[in-house]
Amino acid sequence: PALPAVWRPRTTRTVAYLTAGVIML
């Protein structure tokens, strides 16, 4: 891959941020 390359999970981020938003709300 071309540099810089960034790898991060998609589902984990989506679930974590949605859950955080629901809990805060």
PDB file of all heavy atoms in Angstrom:
ATOM      1  N   PRO A   1       0.825  -1.214   0.000  1.00  0.00           N
ATOM      2  CA  PRO A   1       0.000   0.000   0.000  1.00  0.00           C
ATOM      3  C   PRO A   1       0.855   1.259   0.000  1.00  0.00           C
ATOM      4  O   PRO A   1       1.994   1.254   0.446  1.00  0.00           O
ATOM      5  CB  PRO A   1      -0.808  -0.123   1.296  1.00  0.00           C
ATOM      6  CG  PRO A   1      -0.013  -1.017   2.175  1.00  0.00           C
ATOM      7  CD  PRO A   1       0.740  -1.946   1.262  1.00  0.00           C
ATOM      8  N   ALA A   2       0.287   2.323  -0.522  1.00  0.00           N
ATOM      9  CA  ALA A   2       0.966   3.620  -0.512  1.00  0.00           C
ATOM     10  C   ALA A   2       1.042   4.124   0.929  1.00  0.00           C
ATOM     11  O   ALA A   2       0.154   3.882   1.737  1.00  0.00           O
ATOM     12  CB  ALA A   2       0.196   4.607  -1.377  1.00  0.00           C
ATOM     13  N   LEU A   3       2.120   4.818   1.206  1.00  0.00           N
ATOM     14  CA  LEU A   3       2.288   5.367   2.551  1.00  0.00           C
ATOM     15  C   LEU A   3       1.969   6.849   2.522  1.00  0.00           C
ATOM     16  O   LEU A   3       2.252   7.522   1.534  1.00  0.00           O
ATOM     17  CB  LEU A   3       3.725   5.135   3.027  1.00  0.00           C
ATOM     18  CG  LEU A   3       4.076   3.680   3.246  1.00  0.00           C
ATOM     19  CD1 LEU A   3       5.524   3.564   3.701  1.00  0.00           C
ATOM     20  CD2 LEU A   3       3.167   3.023   4.251  1.00  0.00           C
ATOM     21  N   PRO A   4       1.429   7.424   3.558  1.00  0.00           N
ATOM     22  CA  PRO A   4       1.008   6.761   4.790  1.00  0.00           C
ATOM     23  C   PRO A   4      -0.256   5.929   4.589  1.00  0.00           C
ATOM     24  O   PRO A   4      -1.108   6.262   3.775  1.00  0.00           O
ATOM     25  CB  PRO A   4       0.749   7.914   5.757  1.00  0.00           C
ATOM     26  CG  PRO A   4       0.439   9.078   4.877  1.00  0.00           C
ATOM     27  CD  PRO A   4       1.183   8.867   3.581  1.00  0.00           C
ATOM     28  N   ALA A   5      -0.336   4.843   5.353  1.00  0.00           N
ATOM     29  CA  ALA A   5      -1.502   3.962   5.319  1.00  0.00           C
ATOM     30  C   ALA A   5      -2.089   3.898   6.724  1.00  0.00           C
ATOM     31  O   ALA A   5      -1.354   3.863   7.710  1.00  0.00           O
ATOM     32  CB  ALA A   5      -1.094   2.565   4.864  1.00  0.00           C
ATOM     33  N   VAL A   6      -3.408   3.917   6.798  1.00  0.00           N
ATOM     34  CA  VAL A   6      -4.097   3.859   8.095  1.00  0.00           C
ATOM     35  C   VAL A   6      -5.092   2.714   8.053  1.00  0.00           C
ATOM     36  O   VAL A   6      -5.890   2.612   7.130  1.00  0.00           O
ATOM     37  CB  VAL A   6      -4.837   5.184   8.399  1.00  0.00           C
ATOM     38  CG1 VAL A   6      -5.566   5.091   9.738  1.00  0.00           C
ATOM     39  CG2 VAL A   6      -3.877   6.352   8.386  1.00  0.00           C
ATOM     40  N   TRP A   7      -5.019   1.851   9.073  1.00  0.00           N
ATOM     41  CA  TRP A   7      -5.977   0.757   9.203  1.00  0.00           C
ATOM     42  C   TRP A   7      -6.741   0.953  10.507  1.00  0.00           C
ATOM     43  O   TRP A   7      -6.155   1.169  11.557  1.00  0.00           O
ATOM     44  CB  TRP A   7      -5.256  -0.584   9.215  1.00  0.00           C
ATOM     45  CG  TRP A   7      -4.457  -0.817   7.982  1.00  0.00           C
ATOM     46  CD1 TRP A   7      -4.935  -1.118   6.739  1.00  0.00           C
ATOM     47  CD2 TRP A   7      -3.036  -0.751   7.849  1.00  0.00           C
ATOM     48  NE1 TRP A   7      -3.898  -1.242   5.854  1.00  0.00           N
ATOM     49  CE2 TRP A   7      -2.720  -1.019   6.504  1.00  0.00           C
ATOM     50  CE3 TRP A   7      -1.993  -0.483   8.737  1.00  0.00           C
ATOM     51  CZ2 TRP A   7      -1.415  -1.051   6.031  1.00  0.00           C
ATOM     52  CZ3 TRP A   7      -0.701  -0.509   8.265  1.00  0.00           C
ATOM     53  CH2 TRP A   7      -0.424  -0.787   6.920  1.00  0.00           C
ATOM     54  N   ARG A   8      -8.057   0.882  10.394  1.00  0.00           N
ATOM     55  CA  ARG A   8      -8.895   1.020  11.585  1.00  0.00           C
ATOM     56  C   ARG A   8     -10.175   0.239  11.343  1.00  0.00           C
ATOM     57  O   ARG A   8     -10.634   0.105  10.216  1.00  0.00           O
ATOM     58  CB  ARG A   8      -9.187   2.470  11.910  1.00  0.00           C
ATOM     59  CG  ARG A   8      -9.822   3.232  10.792  1.00  0.00           C
ATOM     60  CD  ARG A   8     -10.136   4.686  11.086  1.00  0.00           C
ATOM     61  NE  ARG A   8      -9.520   5.222  12.240  1.00  0.00           N
ATOM     62  CZ  ARG A   8      -9.119   6.465  12.382  1.00  0.00           C
ATOM     63  NH1 ARG A   8      -9.303   7.316  11.402  1.00  0.00           N
ATOM     64  NH2 ARG A   8      -8.588   6.892  13.479  1.00  0.00           N
ATOM     65  N   PRO A   9     -10.768  -0.283  12.411  1.00  0.00           N
ATOM     66  CA  PRO A   9     -12.019  -1.038  12.255  1.00  0.00           C
ATOM     67  C   PRO A   9     -13.186  -0.110  11.940  1.00  0.00           C
ATOM     68  O   PRO A   9     -13.228   1.028  12.414  1.00  0.00           O
ATOM     69  CB  PRO A   9     -12.204  -1.718  13.608  1.00  0.00           C
ATOM     70  CG  PRO A   9     -11.414  -0.909  14.565  1.00  0.00           C
ATOM     71  CD  PRO A   9     -10.297  -0.274  13.792  1.00  0.00           C
ATOM     72  N   ARG A  10     -14.113  -0.588  11.153  1.00  0.00           N
ATOM     73  CA  ARG A  10     -15.292   0.223  10.814  1.00  0.00           C
ATOM     74  C   ARG A  10     -16.440  -0.042  11.776  1.00  0.00           C
ATOM     75  O   ARG A  10     -17.015   0.877  12.331  1.00  0.00           O
ATOM     76  CB  ARG A  10     -15.738  -0.081   9.383  1.00  0.00           C
ATOM     77  CG  ARG A  10     -14.764   0.404   8.353  1.00  0.00           C
ATOM     78  CD  ARG A  10     -15.265   0.105   6.957  1.00  0.00           C
ATOM     79  NE  ARG A  10     -14.249   0.507   5.994  1.00  0.00           N
ATOM     80  CZ  ARG A  10     -14.041  -0.104   4.852  1.00  0.00           C
ATOM     81  NH1 ARG A  10     -14.771  -1.132   4.501  1.00  0.00           N
ATOM     82  NH2 ARG A  10     -13.097   0.327   4.041  1.00  0.00           N
ATOM     83  N   THR A  11     -16.790  -1.302  11.939  1.00  0.00           N
ATOM     84  CA  THR A  11     -17.938  -1.655  12.771  1.00  0.00           C
ATOM     85  C   THR A  11     -17.738  -1.227  14.219  1.00  0.00           C
ATOM     86  O   THR A  11     -18.646  -0.680  14.841  1.00  0.00           O
ATOM     87  CB  THR A  11     -18.205  -3.169  12.696  1.00  0.00           C
ATOM     88  OG1 THR A  11     -18.336  -3.544  11.324  1.00  0.00           O
ATOM     89  CG2 THR A  11     -19.449  -3.547  13.458  1.00  0.00           C
ATOM     90  N   THR A  12     -16.557  -1.471  14.750  1.00  0.00           N
ATOM     91  CA  THR A  12     -16.273  -1.107  16.140  1.00  0.00           C
ATOM     92  C   THR A  12     -16.478   0.380  16.364  1.00  0.00           C
ATOM     93  O   THR A  12     -17.095   0.798  17.343  1.00  0.00           O
ATOM     94  CB  THR A  12     -14.829  -1.492  16.510  1.00  0.00           C
ATOM     95  OG1 THR A  12     -14.665  -2.884  16.315  1.00  0.00           O
ATOM     96  CG2 THR A  12     -14.514  -1.125  17.951  1.00  0.00           C
ATOM     97  N   ARG A  13     -15.960   1.185  15.452  1.00  0.00           N
ATOM     98  CA  ARG A  13     -16.109   2.642  15.593  1.00  0.00           C
ATOM     99  C   ARG A  13     -17.570   3.048  15.540  1.00  0.00           C
ATOM    100  O   ARG A  13     -18.044   3.845  16.347  1.00  0.00           O
ATOM    101  CB  ARG A  13     -15.341   3.353  14.482  1.00  0.00           C
ATOM    102  CG  ARG A  13     -13.849   3.156  14.607  1.00  0.00           C
ATOM    103  CD  ARG A  13     -13.148   3.924  13.567  1.00  0.00           C
ATOM    104  NE  ARG A  13     -13.445   5.324  13.901  1.00  0.00           N
ATOM    105  CZ  ARG A  13     -13.073   6.345  13.178  1.00  0.00           C
ATOM    106  NH1 ARG A  13     -12.426   6.163  12.080  1.00  0.00           N
ATOM    107  NH2 ARG A  13     -13.366   7.563  13.544  1.00  0.00           N
ATOM    108  N   THR A  14     -18.294   2.509  14.562  1.00  0.00           N
ATOM    109  CA  THR A  14     -19.706   2.863  14.405  1.00  0.00           C
ATOM    110  C   THR A  14     -20.502   2.493  15.653  1.00  0.00           C
ATOM    111  O   THR A  14     -21.252   3.304  16.196  1.00  0.00           O
ATOM    112  CB  THR A  14     -20.298   2.153  13.169  1.00  0.00           C
ATOM    113  OG1 THR A  14     -19.540   2.541  12.021  1.00  0.00           O
ATOM    114  CG2 THR A  14     -21.750   2.515  12.965  1.00  0.00           C
ATOM    115  N   VAL A  15     -20.330   1.256  16.107  1.00  0.00           N
ATOM    116  CA  VAL A  15     -21.072   0.786  17.286  1.00  0.00           C
ATOM    117  C   VAL A  15     -20.689   1.592  18.526  1.00  0.00           C
ATOM    118  O   VAL A  15     -21.559   1.998  19.303  1.00  0.00           O
ATOM    119  CB  VAL A  15     -20.844  -0.722  17.506  1.00  0.00           C
ATOM    120  CG1 VAL A  15     -21.372  -1.178  18.851  1.00  0.00           C
ATOM    121  CG2 VAL A  15     -21.476  -1.525  16.377  1.00  0.00           C
ATOM    122  N   ALA A  16     -19.405   1.845  18.715  1.00  0.00           N
ATOM    123  CA  ALA A  16     -18.962   2.576  19.906  1.00  0.00           C
ATOM    124  C   ALA A  16     -19.524   3.992  19.936  1.00  0.00           C
ATOM    125  O   ALA A  16     -20.048   4.446  20.961  1.00  0.00           O
ATOM    126  CB  ALA A  16     -17.439   2.605  19.968  1.00  0.00           C
ATOM    127  N   TYR A  17     -19.440   4.703  18.818  1.00  0.00           N
ATOM    128  CA  TYR A  17     -19.925   6.084  18.807  1.00  0.00           C
ATOM    129  C   TYR A  17     -21.446   6.165  18.872  1.00  0.00           C
ATOM    130  O   TYR A  17     -21.990   7.048  19.539  1.00  0.00           O
ATOM    131  CB  TYR A  17     -19.370   6.858  17.613  1.00  0.00           C
ATOM    132  CG  TYR A  17     -17.912   7.224  17.785  1.00  0.00           C
ATOM    133  CD1 TYR A  17     -16.978   6.937  16.799  1.00  0.00           C
ATOM    134  CD2 TYR A  17     -17.461   7.851  18.942  1.00  0.00           C
ATOM    135  CE1 TYR A  17     -15.639   7.283  16.967  1.00  0.00           C
ATOM    136  CE2 TYR A  17     -16.132   8.187  19.117  1.00  0.00           C
ATOM    137  CZ  TYR A  17     -15.225   7.900  18.122  1.00  0.00           C
ATOM    138  OH  TYR A  17     -13.908   8.241  18.296  1.00  0.00           O
ATOM    139  N   LEU A  18     -22.140   5.262  18.210  1.00  0.00           N
ATOM    140  CA  LEU A  18     -23.609   5.247  18.319  1.00  0.00           C
ATOM    141  C   LEU A  18     -24.040   4.927  19.746  1.00  0.00           C
ATOM    142  O   LEU A  18     -24.953   5.566  20.290  1.00  0.00           O
ATOM    143  CB  LEU A  18     -24.218   4.241  17.345  1.00  0.00           C
ATOM    144  CG  LEU A  18     -24.297   4.695  15.891  1.00  0.00           C
ATOM    145  CD1 LEU A  18     -24.790   3.555  14.998  1.00  0.00           C
ATOM    146  CD2 LEU A  18     -25.200   5.903  15.751  1.00  0.00           C
ATOM    147  N   THR A  19     -23.387   3.941  20.353  1.00  0.00           N
ATOM    148  CA  THR A  19     -23.718   3.585  21.740  1.00  0.00           C
ATOM    149  C   THR A  19     -23.442   4.747  22.681  1.00  0.00           C
ATOM    150  O   THR A  19     -24.244   5.051  23.564  1.00  0.00           O
ATOM    151  CB  THR A  19     -22.925   2.337  22.169  1.00  0.00           C
ATOM    152  OG1 THR A  19     -23.216   1.263  21.266  1.00  0.00           O
ATOM    153  CG2 THR A  19     -23.268   1.922  23.586  1.00  0.00           C
ATOM    154  N   ALA A  20     -22.301   5.402  22.492  1.00  0.00           N
ATOM    155  CA  ALA A  20     -21.963   6.555  23.340  1.00  0.00           C
ATOM    156  C   ALA A  20     -23.012   7.653  23.189  1.00  0.00           C
ATOM    157  O   ALA A  20     -23.439   8.258  24.184  1.00  0.00           O
ATOM    158  CB  ALA A  20     -20.584   7.090  22.981  1.00  0.00           C
ATOM    159  N   GLY A  21     -23.437   7.912  21.967  1.00  0.00           N
ATOM    160  CA  GLY A  21     -24.461   8.938  21.736  1.00  0.00           C
ATOM    161  C   GLY A  21     -25.784   8.591  22.385  1.00  0.00           C
ATOM    162  O   GLY A  21     -26.420   9.445  23.015  1.00  0.00           O
ATOM    163  N   VAL A  22     -26.201   7.330  22.255  1.00  0.00           N
ATOM    164  CA  VAL A  22     -27.468   6.896  22.859  1.00  0.00           C
ATOM    165  C   VAL A  22     -27.394   6.987  24.378  1.00  0.00           C
ATOM    166  O   VAL A  22     -28.336   7.467  25.031  1.00  0.00           O
ATOM    167  CB  VAL A  22     -27.828   5.466  22.402  1.00  0.00           C
ATOM    168  CG1 VAL A  22     -28.946   4.876  23.240  1.00  0.00           C
ATOM    169  CG2 VAL A  22     -28.191   5.454  20.925  1.00  0.00           C
ATOM    170  N   ILE A  23     -26.275   6.553  24.951  1.00  0.00           N
ATOM    171  CA  ILE A  23     -26.125   6.611  26.412  1.00  0.00           C
ATOM    172  C   ILE A  23     -26.141   8.058  26.897  1.00  0.00           C
ATOM    173  O   ILE A  23     -26.833   8.401  27.862  1.00  0.00           O
ATOM    174  CB  ILE A  23     -24.840   5.886  26.858  1.00  0.00           C
ATOM    175  CG1 ILE A  23     -25.027   4.372  26.699  1.00  0.00           C
ATOM    176  CG2 ILE A  23     -24.459   6.243  28.292  1.00  0.00           C
ATOM    177  CD1 ILE A  23     -23.775   3.561  26.912  1.00  0.00           C
ATOM    178  N   MET A  24     -25.386   8.932  26.224  1.00  0.00           N
ATOM    179  CA  MET A  24     -25.368  10.341  26.641  1.00  0.00           C
ATOM    180  C   MET A  24     -26.745  10.974  26.511  1.00  0.00           C
ATOM    181  O   MET A  24     -27.216  11.643  27.433  1.00  0.00           O
ATOM    182  CB  MET A  24     -24.345  11.134  25.812  1.00  0.00           C
ATOM    183  CG  MET A  24     -22.927  10.980  26.267  1.00  0.00           C
ATOM    184  SD  MET A  24     -22.648  11.408  27.997  1.00  0.00           S
ATOM    185  CE  MET A  24     -23.134  13.116  28.033  1.00  0.00           C
ATOM    186  N   LEU A  25     -27.395  10.762  25.365  1.00  0.00           N
ATOM    187  CA  LEU A  25     -28.731  11.324  25.165  1.00  0.00           C
ATOM    188  C   LEU A  25     -29.707  10.794  26.210  1.00  0.00           C
ATOM    189  O   LEU A  25     -30.466  11.561  26.816  1.00  0.00           O
ATOM    190  CB  LEU A  25     -29.233  11.010  23.754  1.00  0.00           C
ATOM    191  CG  LEU A  25     -30.598  11.582  23.388  1.00  0.00           C
ATOM    192  CD1 LEU A  25     -30.557  13.104  23.453  1.00  0.00           C
ATOM    193  CD2 LEU A  25     -31.007  11.115  22.003  1.00  0.00           C
TER     194      LEU A  25
END
